[in-house]
C-alpha atoms as a PDB file:
ATOM      1  CA  MET A   1      -5.036   1.543  12.127  1.00  0.00           C
ATOM      2  CA  PRO A   2      -2.902  -1.047  10.355  1.00  0.00           C
ATOM      3  CA  MET A   3      -4.013  -4.459   9.126  1.00  0.00           C
ATOM      4  CA  LEU A   4      -6.925  -5.854  11.089  1.00  0.00           C
ATOM      5  CA  PHE A   5      -6.304  -9.542  10.340  1.00  0.00           C
ATOM      6  CA  ARG A   6      -3.276 -11.767  10.909  1.00  0.00           C
ATOM      7  CA  THR A   7      -1.126 -12.328   7.827  1.00  0.00           C
ATOM      8  CA  LYS A   8       2.261 -13.751   6.864  1.00  0.00           C
ATOM      9  CA  VAL A   9       4.774 -12.992   4.133  1.00  0.00           C
ATOM     10  CA  ALA A  10       5.759 -15.996   2.011  1.00  0.00           C
ATOM     11  CA  PRO A  11       6.863 -16.872  -1.534  1.00  0.00           C
ATOM     12  CA  SER A  12       4.218 -15.966  -4.102  1.00  0.00           C
ATOM     13  CA  THR A  13       3.224 -17.588  -7.374  1.00  0.00           C
ATOM     14  CA  ILE A  14       2.388 -14.083  -8.625  1.00  0.00           C
ATOM     15  CA  HIS A  15       5.695 -12.318  -7.955  1.00  0.00           C
ATOM     16  CA  GLY A  16       8.507 -12.662  -5.402  1.00  0.00           C
ATOM     17  CA  LEU A  17       7.030 -12.512  -1.943  1.00  0.00           C
ATOM     18  CA  GLY A  18       3.336 -12.115  -1.201  1.00  0.00           C
ATOM     19  CA  LEU A  19       1.011 -11.480   1.710  1.00  0.00           C
ATOM     20  CA  PHE A  20      -1.158 -14.394   2.861  1.00  0.00           C
ATOM     21  CA  ALA A  21      -4.161 -14.602   5.188  1.00  0.00           C
ATOM     22  CA  GLN A  22      -3.513 -16.411   8.488  1.00  0.00           C
ATOM     23  CA  GLU A  23      -7.180 -16.331   9.453  1.00  0.00           C
ATOM     24  CA  PRO A  24     -10.453 -16.151   7.517  1.00  0.00           C
ATOM     25  CA  ILE A  25     -11.353 -12.658   6.305  1.00  0.00           C
ATOM     26  CA  PRO A  26     -15.108 -12.257   5.783  1.00  0.00           C
ATOM     27  CA  LYS A  27     -16.412 -10.456   2.710  1.00  0.00           C
ATOM     28  CA  ASP A  28     -16.933  -6.698   3.233  1.00  0.00           C
ATOM     29  CA  SER A  29     -14.550  -6.616   6.223  1.00  0.00           C
ATOM     30  CA  THR A  30     -12.170  -3.705   6.440  1.00  0.00           C
ATOM     31  CA  PHE A  31      -8.771  -5.352   6.092  1.00  0.00           C
ATOM     32  CA  TRP A  32      -6.486  -2.318   6.379  1.00  0.00           C
ATOM     33  CA  GLU A  33      -6.829   1.384   7.076  1.00  0.00           C
ATOM     34  CA  HIS A  34      -4.128   4.029   6.685  1.00  0.00           C
ATOM     35  CA  ASP A  35      -2.876   5.421   9.983  1.00  0.00           C
ATOM     36  CA  PRO A  36      -1.032   8.710   9.412  1.00  0.00           C
ATOM     37  CA  ILE A  37       0.988   8.244  12.604  1.00  0.00           C
ATOM     38  CA  ILE A  38       2.157   4.702  11.823  1.00  0.00           C
ATOM     39  CA  ASP A  39       2.256   4.747   8.021  1.00  0.00           C
ATOM     40  CA  GLY A  40       2.783   8.436   7.400  1.00  0.00           C
ATOM     41  CA  TRP A  41       3.018  10.560   4.302  1.00  0.00           C
ATOM     42  CA  VAL A  42       5.198  13.306   2.911  1.00  0.00           C
ATOM     43  CA  ASP A  43       3.753  16.544   1.628  1.00  0.00           C
ATOM     44  CA  GLN A  44       5.750  17.485  -1.444  1.00  0.00           C
ATOM     45  CA  THR A  45       4.395  21.057  -1.364  1.00  0.00           C
ATOM     46  CA  SER A  46       5.491  21.832   2.204  1.00  0.00           C
ATOM     47  CA  ALA A  47       8.126  24.399   3.021  1.00  0.00           C
ATOM     48  CA  ASP A  48      10.240  21.576   4.463  1.00  0.00           C
ATOM     49  CA  SER A  49      11.663  20.537   1.102  1.00  0.00           C
ATOM     50  CA  LYS A  50      14.793  19.078   2.730  1.00  0.00           C
ATOM     51  CA  GLY A  51      12.647  16.603   4.659  1.00  0.00           C
ATOM     52  CA  TYR A  52      10.946  15.654   1.420  1.00  0.00           C
ATOM     53  CA  GLU A  53      14.302  14.997  -0.283  1.00  0.00           C
ATOM     54  CA  VAL A  54      15.505  12.861   2.636  1.00  0.00           C
ATOM     55  CA  PHE A  55      12.286  10.852   2.505  1.00  0.00           C
ATOM     56  CA  MET A  56      12.581  10.341  -1.256  1.00  0.00           C
ATOM     57  CA  ASP A  57      16.224   9.268  -0.984  1.00  0.00           C
ATOM     58  CA  HIS A  58      15.625   6.704   1.752  1.00  0.00           C
ATOM     59  CA  MET A  59      12.289   5.142   0.907  1.00  0.00           C
ATOM     60  CA  ASP A  60      12.524   2.134  -1.369  1.00  0.00           C
ATOM     61  CA  TYR A  61       8.768   1.706  -1.486  1.00  0.00           C
ATOM     62  CA  PHE A  62       5.898   4.160  -1.668  1.00  0.00           C
ATOM     63  CA  TYR A  63       2.366   2.922  -1.277  1.00  0.00           C
ATOM     64  CA  CYS A  64       0.930   5.560  -3.592  1.00  0.00           C
ATOM     65  CA  TYR A  65       0.712   9.183  -4.533  1.00  0.00           C
ATOM     66  CA  ASP A  66      -2.420  11.168  -3.677  1.00  0.00           C
ATOM     67  CA  HIS A  67      -2.841  13.785  -6.407  1.00  0.00           C
ATOM     68  CA  GLU A  68      -5.624  15.617  -4.592  1.00  0.00           C
ATOM     69  CA  HIS A  69      -3.559  16.270  -1.454  1.00  0.00           C
ATOM     70  CA  LYS A  70      -0.154  16.151  -3.179  1.00  0.00           C
ATOM     71  CA  VAL A  71       1.321  13.683  -0.702  1.00  0.00           C
ATOM     72  CA  PHE A  72       3.296  10.467  -1.009  1.00  0.00           C
ATOM     73  CA  ILE A  73       1.782   7.811   1.238  1.00  0.00           C
ATOM     74  CA  ARG A  74       3.992   5.073   2.669  1.00  0.00           C
ATOM     75  CA  HIS A  75       3.436   1.846   4.584  1.00  0.00           C
ATOM     76  CA  ALA A  76       5.076   0.806   7.808  1.00  0.00           C
ATOM     77  CA  ASP A  77       3.612  -2.690   7.763  1.00  0.00           C
ATOM     78  CA  THR A  78       3.704  -5.826   5.625  1.00  0.00           C
ATOM     79  CA  LEU A  79       0.913  -4.637   3.320  1.00  0.00           C
ATOM     80  CA  ILE A  80       3.757  -3.642   0.996  1.00  0.00           C
ATOM     81  CA  PHE A  81       3.942  -7.354   0.088  1.00  0.00           C
ATOM     82  CA  ALA A  82       0.401  -7.469  -1.330  1.00  0.00           C
ATOM     83  CA  ASN A  83       0.817  -8.229  -5.038  1.00  0.00           C
ATOM     84  CA  HIS A  84      -1.154  -6.799  -7.944  1.00  0.00           C
ATOM     85  CA  SER A  85      -4.068  -8.590  -9.557  1.00  0.00           C
ATOM     86  CA  ASP A  86      -6.556  -7.449 -12.178  1.00  0.00           C
ATOM     87  CA  ASN A  87      -9.096  -9.439 -10.118  1.00  0.00           C
ATOM     88  CA  PRO A  88      -8.000  -8.703  -6.536  1.00  0.00           C
ATOM     89  CA  ASN A  89      -9.583 -10.053  -3.378  1.00  0.00           C
ATOM     90  CA  LEU A  90      -9.114  -6.684  -1.656  1.00  0.00           C
ATOM     91  CA  THR A  91     -10.736  -3.588  -3.109  1.00  0.00           C
ATOM     92  CA  SER A  92      -9.725  -0.017  -2.506  1.00  0.00           C
ATOM     93  CA  PRO A  93     -12.648   2.398  -2.280  1.00  0.00           C
ATOM     94  CA  THR A  94      -9.941   5.003  -1.524  1.00  0.00           C
ATOM     95  CA  LYS A  95      -6.161   4.941  -1.108  1.00  0.00           C
ATOM     96  CA  TYR A  96      -6.744   5.038   2.624  1.00  0.00           C
ATOM     97  CA  PHE A  97      -8.460   1.698   3.255  1.00  0.00           C
ATOM     98  CA  HIS A  98      -8.996  -1.756   1.727  1.00  0.00           C
ATOM     99  CA  VAL A  99     -11.894  -4.162   2.165  1.00  0.00           C
ATOM    100  CA  ALA A 100     -12.340  -7.832   1.313  1.00  0.00           C
ATOM    101  CA  ASN A 101     -14.539  -8.157  -1.782  1.00  0.00           C
ATOM    102  CA  LYS A 102     -15.093 -11.869  -1.096  1.00  0.00           C
ATOM    103  CA  ASP A 103     -14.583 -14.337   1.708  1.00  0.00           C
ATOM    104  CA  ILE A 104     -10.838 -14.943   1.943  1.00  0.00           C
ATOM    105  CA  ASP A 105      -9.589 -18.299   3.229  1.00  0.00           C
ATOM    106  CA  ILE A 106      -6.594 -19.065   5.422  1.00  0.00           C
ATOM    107  CA  GLY A 107      -3.516 -19.363   3.196  1.00  0.00           C
ATOM    108  CA  GLU A 108      -4.998 -17.329   0.328  1.00  0.00           C
ATOM    109  CA  GLU A 109      -2.744 -14.649  -1.132  1.00  0.00           C
ATOM    110  CA  LEU A 110      -4.023 -11.116  -0.607  1.00  0.00           C
ATOM    111  CA  THR A 111      -4.038  -8.976  -3.731  1.00  0.00           C
ATOM    112  CA  LEU A 112      -4.822  -5.404  -4.738  1.00  0.00           C
ATOM    113  CA  ASN A 113      -5.370  -3.738  -8.088  1.00  0.00           C
ATOM    114  CA  TYR A 114      -2.505  -1.238  -8.047  1.00  0.00           C
ATOM    115  CA  ARG A 115      -4.263   0.892 -10.665  1.00  0.00           C
ATOM    116  CA  ASP A 116      -6.896   1.745  -8.076  1.00  0.00           C
ATOM    117  CA  ILE A 117      -4.391   3.167  -5.612  1.00  0.00           C
ATOM    118  CA  CYS A 118      -1.085   4.118  -7.198  1.00  0.00           C
ATOM    119  CA  ASP A 119       0.514   6.431  -9.675  1.00  0.00           C
ATOM    120  CA  TYR A 120       3.973   4.949 -10.173  1.00  0.00           C
ATOM    121  CA  GLY A 121       4.825   7.354 -13.004  1.00  0.00           C
ATOM    122  CA  VAL A 122       4.805  10.298 -10.622  1.00  0.00           C
ATOM    123  CA  ILE A 123       6.919   8.425  -8.090  1.00  0.00           C
ATOM    124  CA  ILE A 124       9.561   7.439 -10.636  1.00  0.00           C
ATOM    125  CA  VAL A 125       9.771  10.941 -12.105  1.00  0.00           C
ATOM    126  CA  GLU A 126       9.990  12.577  -8.686  1.00  0.00           C
ATOM    127  CA  ARG A 127      12.770  10.225  -7.522  1.00  0.00           C
ATOM    128  CA  LYS A 128      14.805  10.886 -10.686  1.00  0.00           C
ATOM    129  CA  ASN A 129      14.372  14.656 -10.315  1.00  0.00           C
ATOM    130  CA  LEU A 130      15.820  14.595  -6.809  1.00  0.00           C
ATOM    131  CA  LYS A 131      18.937  12.552  -7.641  1.00  0.00           C
END
């Protein structure tokens, strides 16, 4: 299931483009949940290493790396525009869903704490190793 509330992408005061609420998002609402069919992931340990290399060569953005399952998770929606904040309005109990940790108003930029969901070091190293 992708995002459950309407949003828009617009210039951000945090960085480049950001993701903004187009409707109120009540506190404790699930905002987004990973859908393996829509968003997908790539298993780096699978026998299909060629598929993994193709994925790594053609994906400019990875949502995160799941160490436990050894998969790269990607987004197929505009959640990729959610910027980082040390005090985000969306929390990530797991890499697989985000909830509003406060009431979010129309026009408010949606933010995540990337440290809760991502391991960019692994992604950068893996991309360089495949080039």
